[in-house]
Amino acid sequence: MHRFEVFPIDVWVRRVMNELYIKKEDETKVKKQEIEKLANEKYKSLAGMAQQYLFYWKRETA
């Protein structure tokens, strides 16, 4: 859809963002807003592309 800035958050993305950056003991306590803010700061206009790579990496290594 050519919306590279969109960063969908599901269970796998929450897990990988917590594992790599946030590092809370209980990943279910990580707020969506916290992940969105971090993704926007880190990946900027390519957040959607980054999300795809993070999702794939986590699924393949889980």
PDB file of N, CA and C in Angstrom:
ATOM      1  N   MET A   1       0.805  -1.185   0.000  1.00  0.00           N
ATOM      2  CA  MET A   1       0.000   0.000   0.000  1.00  0.00           C
ATOM      3  C   MET A   1       0.857   1.262   0.000  1.00  0.00           C
ATOM      4  N   HIS A   2       2.152   1.110  -0.045  1.00  0.00           N
ATOM      5  CA  HIS A   2       3.071   2.250  -0.102  1.00  0.00           C
ATOM      6  C   HIS A   2       3.005   3.127   1.147  1.00  0.00           C
ATOM      7  N   ARG A   3       2.743   2.538   2.298  1.00  0.00           N
ATOM      8  CA  ARG A   3       2.708   3.274   3.567  1.00  0.00           C
ATOM      9  C   ARG A   3       3.812   2.702   4.442  1.00  0.00           C
ATOM     10  N   PHE A   4       5.031   3.041   4.116  1.00  0.00           N
ATOM     11  CA  PHE A   4       6.190   2.475   4.786  1.00  0.00           C
ATOM     12  C   PHE A   4       6.347   2.933   6.235  1.00  0.00           C
ATOM     13  N   GLU A   5       5.643   3.995   6.628  1.00  0.00           N
ATOM     14  CA  GLU A   5       5.759   4.520   7.986  1.00  0.00           C
ATOM     15  C   GLU A   5       4.845   3.809   8.985  1.00  0.00           C
ATOM     16  N   VAL A   6       3.905   2.999   8.504  1.00  0.00           N
ATOM     17  CA  VAL A   6       2.945   2.317   9.368  1.00  0.00           C
ATOM     18  C   VAL A   6       3.632   1.132  10.049  1.00  0.00           C
ATOM     19  N   PHE A   7       3.491   1.044  11.367  1.00  0.00           N
ATOM     20  CA  PHE A   7       4.167   0.029  12.176  1.00  0.00           C
ATOM     21  C   PHE A   7       3.118  -0.791  12.930  1.00  0.00           C
ATOM     22  N   PRO A   8       2.539  -1.818  12.291  1.00  0.00           N
ATOM     23  CA  PRO A   8       1.536  -2.644  12.972  1.00  0.00           C
ATOM     24  C   PRO A   8       2.159  -3.391  14.161  1.00  0.00           C
ATOM     25  N   ILE A   9       1.413  -3.460  15.232  1.00  0.00           N
ATOM     26  CA  ILE A   9       1.924  -4.117  16.443  1.00  0.00           C
ATOM     27  C   ILE A   9       1.029  -5.299  16.784  1.00  0.00           C
ATOM     28  N   ASP A  10       1.640  -6.477  16.795  1.00  0.00           N
ATOM     29  CA  ASP A  10       0.934  -7.675  17.228  1.00  0.00           C
ATOM     30  C   ASP A  10       1.791  -8.340  18.304  1.00  0.00           C
ATOM     31  N   VAL A  11       1.448  -9.554  18.669  1.00  0.00           N
ATOM     32  CA  VAL A  11       2.177 -10.259  19.730  1.00  0.00           C
ATOM     33  C   VAL A  11       3.654 -10.414  19.381  1.00  0.00           C
ATOM     34  N   TRP A  12       3.953 -10.784  18.149  1.00  0.00           N
ATOM     35  CA  TRP A  12       5.342 -11.026  17.764  1.00  0.00           C
ATOM     36  C   TRP A  12       6.155  -9.740  17.746  1.00  0.00           C
ATOM     37  N   VAL A  13       5.566  -8.676  17.272  1.00  0.00           N
ATOM     38  CA  VAL A  13       6.270  -7.391  17.237  1.00  0.00           C
ATOM     39  C   VAL A  13       6.490  -6.886  18.658  1.00  0.00           C
ATOM     40  N   ARG A  14       5.485  -7.045  19.520  1.00  0.00           N
ATOM     41  CA  ARG A  14       5.648  -6.660  20.928  1.00  0.00           C
ATOM     42  C   ARG A  14       6.797  -7.439  21.555  1.00  0.00           C
ATOM     43  N   ARG A  15       6.883  -8.730  21.275  1.00  0.00           N
ATOM     44  CA  ARG A  15       7.957  -9.560  21.829  1.00  0.00           C
ATOM     45  C   ARG A  15       9.334  -9.104  21.362  1.00  0.00           C
ATOM     46  N   VAL A  16       9.468  -8.879  20.083  1.00  0.00           N
ATOM     47  CA  VAL A  16      10.779  -8.517  19.558  1.00  0.00           C
ATOM     48  C   VAL A  16      11.198  -7.120  20.004  1.00  0.00           C
ATOM     49  N   MET A  17      10.274  -6.184  20.051  1.00  0.00           N
ATOM     50  CA  MET A  17      10.623  -4.832  20.508  1.00  0.00           C
ATOM     51  C   MET A  17      11.011  -4.851  21.981  1.00  0.00           C
ATOM     52  N   ASN A  18      10.327  -5.672  22.760  1.00  0.00           N
ATOM     53  CA  ASN A  18      10.690  -5.800  24.171  1.00  0.00           C
ATOM     54  C   ASN A  18      12.050  -6.475  24.317  1.00  0.00           C
ATOM     55  N   GLU A  19      12.263  -7.521  23.567  1.00  0.00           N
ATOM     56  CA  GLU A  19      13.523  -8.269  23.659  1.00  0.00           C
ATOM     57  C   GLU A  19      14.723  -7.414  23.247  1.00  0.00           C
ATOM     58  N   LEU A  20      14.589  -6.660  22.189  1.00  0.00           N
ATOM     59  CA  LEU A  20      15.720  -5.901  21.665  1.00  0.00           C
ATOM     60  C   LEU A  20      15.918  -4.540  22.312  1.00  0.00           C
ATOM     61  N   TYR A  21      14.844  -3.867  22.692  1.00  0.00           N
ATOM     62  CA  TYR A  21      14.962  -2.474  23.110  1.00  0.00           C
ATOM     63  C   TYR A  21      14.412  -2.158  24.496  1.00  0.00           C
ATOM     64  N   ILE A  22      13.225  -2.620  24.814  1.00  0.00           N
ATOM     65  CA  ILE A  22      12.548  -2.176  26.033  1.00  0.00           C
ATOM     66  C   ILE A  22      12.992  -2.971  27.250  1.00  0.00           C
ATOM     67  N   LYS A  23      13.052  -4.274  27.115  1.00  0.00           N
ATOM     68  CA  LYS A  23      13.597  -5.194  28.108  1.00  0.00           C
ATOM     69  C   LYS A  23      12.836  -5.240  29.441  1.00  0.00           C
ATOM     70  N   LYS A  24      11.510  -5.251  29.374  1.00  0.00           N
ATOM     71  CA  LYS A  24      10.706  -5.468  30.580  1.00  0.00           C
ATOM     72  C   LYS A  24      10.625  -6.962  30.823  1.00  0.00           C
ATOM     73  N   GLU A  25      10.549  -7.344  32.085  1.00  0.00           N
ATOM     74  CA  GLU A  25      10.494  -8.761  32.431  1.00  0.00           C
ATOM     75  C   GLU A  25       9.239  -9.431  31.872  1.00  0.00           C
ATOM     76  N   ASP A  26       8.121  -8.725  31.914  1.00  0.00           N
ATOM     77  CA  ASP A  26       6.851  -9.246  31.396  1.00  0.00           C
ATOM     78  C   ASP A  26       6.468  -8.459  30.141  1.00  0.00           C
ATOM     79  N   GLU A  27       6.613  -9.073  28.993  1.00  0.00           N
ATOM     80  CA  GLU A  27       6.358  -8.374  27.726  1.00  0.00           C
ATOM     81  C   GLU A  27       4.919  -7.904  27.580  1.00  0.00           C
ATOM     82  N   THR A  28       3.987  -8.549  28.279  1.00  0.00           N
ATOM     83  CA  THR A  28       2.595  -8.132  28.172  1.00  0.00           C
ATOM     84  C   THR A  28       2.351  -6.775  28.831  1.00  0.00           C
ATOM     85  N   LYS A  29       3.291  -6.306  29.616  1.00  0.00           N
ATOM     86  CA  LYS A  29       3.174  -5.001  30.281  1.00  0.00           C
ATOM     87  C   LYS A  29       3.657  -3.857  29.393  1.00  0.00           C
ATOM     88  N   VAL A  30       4.224  -4.177  28.244  1.00  0.00           N
ATOM     89  CA  VAL A  30       4.708  -3.146  27.325  1.00  0.00           C
ATOM     90  C   VAL A  30       3.507  -2.522  26.626  1.00  0.00           C
ATOM     91  N   LYS A  31       3.392  -1.211  26.727  1.00  0.00           N
ATOM     92  CA  LYS A  31       2.265  -0.499  26.128  1.00  0.00           C
ATOM     93  C   LYS A  31       2.491  -0.241  24.643  1.00  0.00           C
ATOM     94  N   LYS A  32       1.403  -0.293  23.908  1.00  0.00           N
ATOM     95  CA  LYS A  32       1.454  -0.052  22.461  1.00  0.00           C
ATOM     96  C   LYS A  32       2.053   1.325  22.159  1.00  0.00           C
ATOM     97  N   GLN A  33       1.689   2.328  22.942  1.00  0.00           N
ATOM     98  CA  GLN A  33       2.193   3.687  22.733  1.00  0.00           C
ATOM     99  C   GLN A  33       3.710   3.753  22.896  1.00  0.00           C
ATOM    100  N   GLU A  34       4.236   2.964  23.812  1.00  0.00           N
ATOM    101  CA  GLU A  34       5.682   2.912  24.039  1.00  0.00           C
ATOM    102  C   GLU A  34       6.392   2.335  22.807  1.00  0.00           C
ATOM    103  N   ILE A  35       5.815   1.296  22.238  1.00  0.00           N
ATOM    104  CA  ILE A  35       6.386   0.673  21.048  1.00  0.00           C
ATOM    105  C   ILE A  35       6.286   1.621  19.854  1.00  0.00           C
ATOM    106  N   GLU A  36       5.134   2.252  19.678  1.00  0.00           N
ATOM    107  CA  GLU A  36       4.954   3.188  18.564  1.00  0.00           C
ATOM    108  C   GLU A  36       5.957   4.335  18.630  1.00  0.00           C
ATOM    109  N   LYS A  37       6.139   4.901  19.805  1.00  0.00           N
ATOM    110  CA  LYS A  37       7.079   6.013  19.984  1.00  0.00           C
ATOM    111  C   LYS A  37       8.499   5.571  19.639  1.00  0.00           C
ATOM    112  N   LEU A  38       8.892   4.424  20.154  1.00  0.00           N
ATOM    113  CA  LEU A  38      10.228   3.895  19.884  1.00  0.00           C
ATOM    114  C   LEU A  38      10.426   3.624  18.394  1.00  0.00           C
ATOM    115  N   ALA A  39       9.447   3.021  17.754  1.00  0.00           N
ATOM    116  CA  ALA A  39       9.535   2.720  16.322  1.00  0.00           C
ATOM    117  C   ALA A  39       9.658   3.996  15.505  1.00  0.00           C
ATOM    118  N   ASN A  40       8.873   5.006  15.842  1.00  0.00           N
ATOM    119  CA  ASN A  40       8.944   6.276  15.115  1.00  0.00           C
ATOM    120  C   ASN A  40      10.296   6.959  15.290  1.00  0.00           C
ATOM    121  N   GLU A  41      10.840   6.908  16.496  1.00  0.00           N
ATOM    122  CA  GLU A  41      12.151   7.521  16.760  1.00  0.00           C
ATOM    123  C   GLU A  41      13.270   6.770  16.042  1.00  0.00           C
ATOM    124  N   LYS A  42      13.212   5.445  16.100  1.00  0.00           N
ATOM    125  CA  LYS A  42      14.292   4.619  15.545  1.00  0.00           C
ATOM    126  C   LYS A  42      14.242   4.468  14.031  1.00  0.00           C
ATOM    127  N   TYR A  43      13.064   4.201  13.514  1.00  0.00           N
ATOM    128  CA  TYR A  43      12.944   3.814  12.110  1.00  0.00           C
ATOM    129  C   TYR A  43      12.357   4.891  11.206  1.00  0.00           C
ATOM    130  N   LYS A  44      11.762   5.905  11.804  1.00  0.00           N
ATOM    131  CA  LYS A  44      11.195   7.055  11.087  1.00  0.00           C
ATOM    132  C   LYS A  44      10.249   6.626   9.963  1.00  0.00           C
ATOM    133  N   SER A  45      10.482   7.086   8.768  1.00  0.00           N
ATOM    134  CA  SER A  45       9.552   6.820   7.663  1.00  0.00           C
ATOM    135  C   SER A  45       9.627   5.392   7.125  1.00  0.00           C
ATOM    136  N   LEU A  46      10.566   4.597   7.619  1.00  0.00           N
ATOM    137  CA  LEU A  46      10.673   3.199   7.176  1.00  0.00           C
ATOM    138  C   LEU A  46      10.265   2.213   8.276  1.00  0.00           C
ATOM    139  N   ALA A  47       9.471   2.678   9.223  1.00  0.00           N
ATOM    140  CA  ALA A  47       9.057   1.836  10.342  1.00  0.00           C
ATOM    141  C   ALA A  47       8.331   0.577   9.875  1.00  0.00           C
ATOM    142  N   GLY A  48       7.511   0.689   8.854  1.00  0.00           N
ATOM    143  CA  GLY A  48       6.783  -0.472   8.344  1.00  0.00           C
ATOM    144  C   GLY A  48       7.696  -1.527   7.759  1.00  0.00           C
ATOM    145  N   MET A  49       8.728  -1.088   7.075  1.00  0.00           N
ATOM    146  CA  MET A  49       9.713  -2.038   6.528  1.00  0.00           C
ATOM    147  C   MET A  49      10.464  -2.720   7.671  1.00  0.00           C
ATOM    148  N   ALA A  50      10.848  -1.945   8.665  1.00  0.00           N
ATOM    149  CA  ALA A  50      11.548  -2.502   9.822  1.00  0.00           C
ATOM    150  C   ALA A  50      10.663  -3.516  10.537  1.00  0.00           C
ATOM    151  N   GLN A  51       9.382  -3.210  10.652  1.00  0.00           N
ATOM    152  CA  GLN A  51       8.452  -4.115  11.317  1.00  0.00           C
ATOM    153  C   GLN A  51       8.427  -5.470  10.631  1.00  0.00           C
ATOM    154  N   GLN A  52       8.439  -5.485   9.324  1.00  0.00           N
ATOM    155  CA  GLN A  52       8.424  -6.740   8.582  1.00  0.00           C
ATOM    156  C   GLN A  52       9.676  -7.571   8.859  1.00  0.00           C
ATOM    157  N   TYR A  53      10.822  -6.924   8.855  1.00  0.00           N
ATOM    158  CA  TYR A  53      12.072  -7.628   9.150  1.00  0.00           C
ATOM    159  C   TYR A  53      12.103  -8.138  10.581  1.00  0.00           C
ATOM    160  N   LEU A  54      11.668  -7.322  11.540  1.00  0.00           N
ATOM    161  CA  LEU A  54      11.641  -7.739  12.947  1.00  0.00           C
ATOM    162  C   LEU A  54      10.690  -8.913  13.146  1.00  0.00           C
ATOM    163  N   PHE A  55       9.523  -8.844  12.532  1.00  0.00           N
ATOM    164  CA  PHE A  55       8.530  -9.911  12.629  1.00  0.00           C
ATOM    165  C   PHE A  55       9.111 -11.219  12.083  1.00  0.00           C
ATOM    166  N   TYR A  56       9.678 -11.155  10.913  1.00  0.00           N
ATOM    167  CA  TYR A  56      10.248 -12.350  10.284  1.00  0.00           C
ATOM    168  C   TYR A  56      11.367 -12.932  11.136  1.00  0.00           C
ATOM    169  N   TRP A  57      12.262 -12.075  11.613  1.00  0.00           N
ATOM    170  CA  TRP A  57      13.391 -12.538  12.432  1.00  0.00           C
ATOM    171  C   TRP A  57      12.893 -13.250  13.682  1.00  0.00           C
ATOM    172  N   LYS A  58      11.922 -12.652  14.368  1.00  0.00           N
ATOM    173  CA  LYS A  58      11.432 -13.246  15.603  1.00  0.00           C
ATOM    174  C   LYS A  58      10.729 -14.566  15.342  1.00  0.00           C
ATOM    175  N   ARG A  59       9.934 -14.639  14.306  1.00  0.00           N
ATOM    176  CA  ARG A  59       9.231 -15.884  13.983  1.00  0.00           C
ATOM    177  C   ARG A  59      10.206 -17.000  13.641  1.00  0.00           C
ATOM    178  N   GLU A  60      11.274 -16.670  12.952  1.00  0.00           N
ATOM    179  CA  GLU A  60      12.249 -17.676  12.524  1.00  0.00           C
ATOM    180  C   GLU A  60      13.174 -18.131  13.656  1.00  0.00           C
ATOM    181  N   THR A  61      13.371 -17.286  14.649  1.00  0.00           N
ATOM    182  CA  THR A  61      14.298 -17.641  15.742  1.00  0.00           C
ATOM    183  C   THR A  61      13.592 -18.079  17.003  1.00  0.00           C
ATOM    184  N   ALA A  62      12.258 -18.004  17.021  1.00  0.00           N
ATOM    185  CA  ALA A  62      11.500 -18.369  18.236  1.00  0.00           C
ATOM    186  C   ALA A  62      11.472 -19.873  18.430  1.00  0.00           C
TER     187      ALA A  62
END
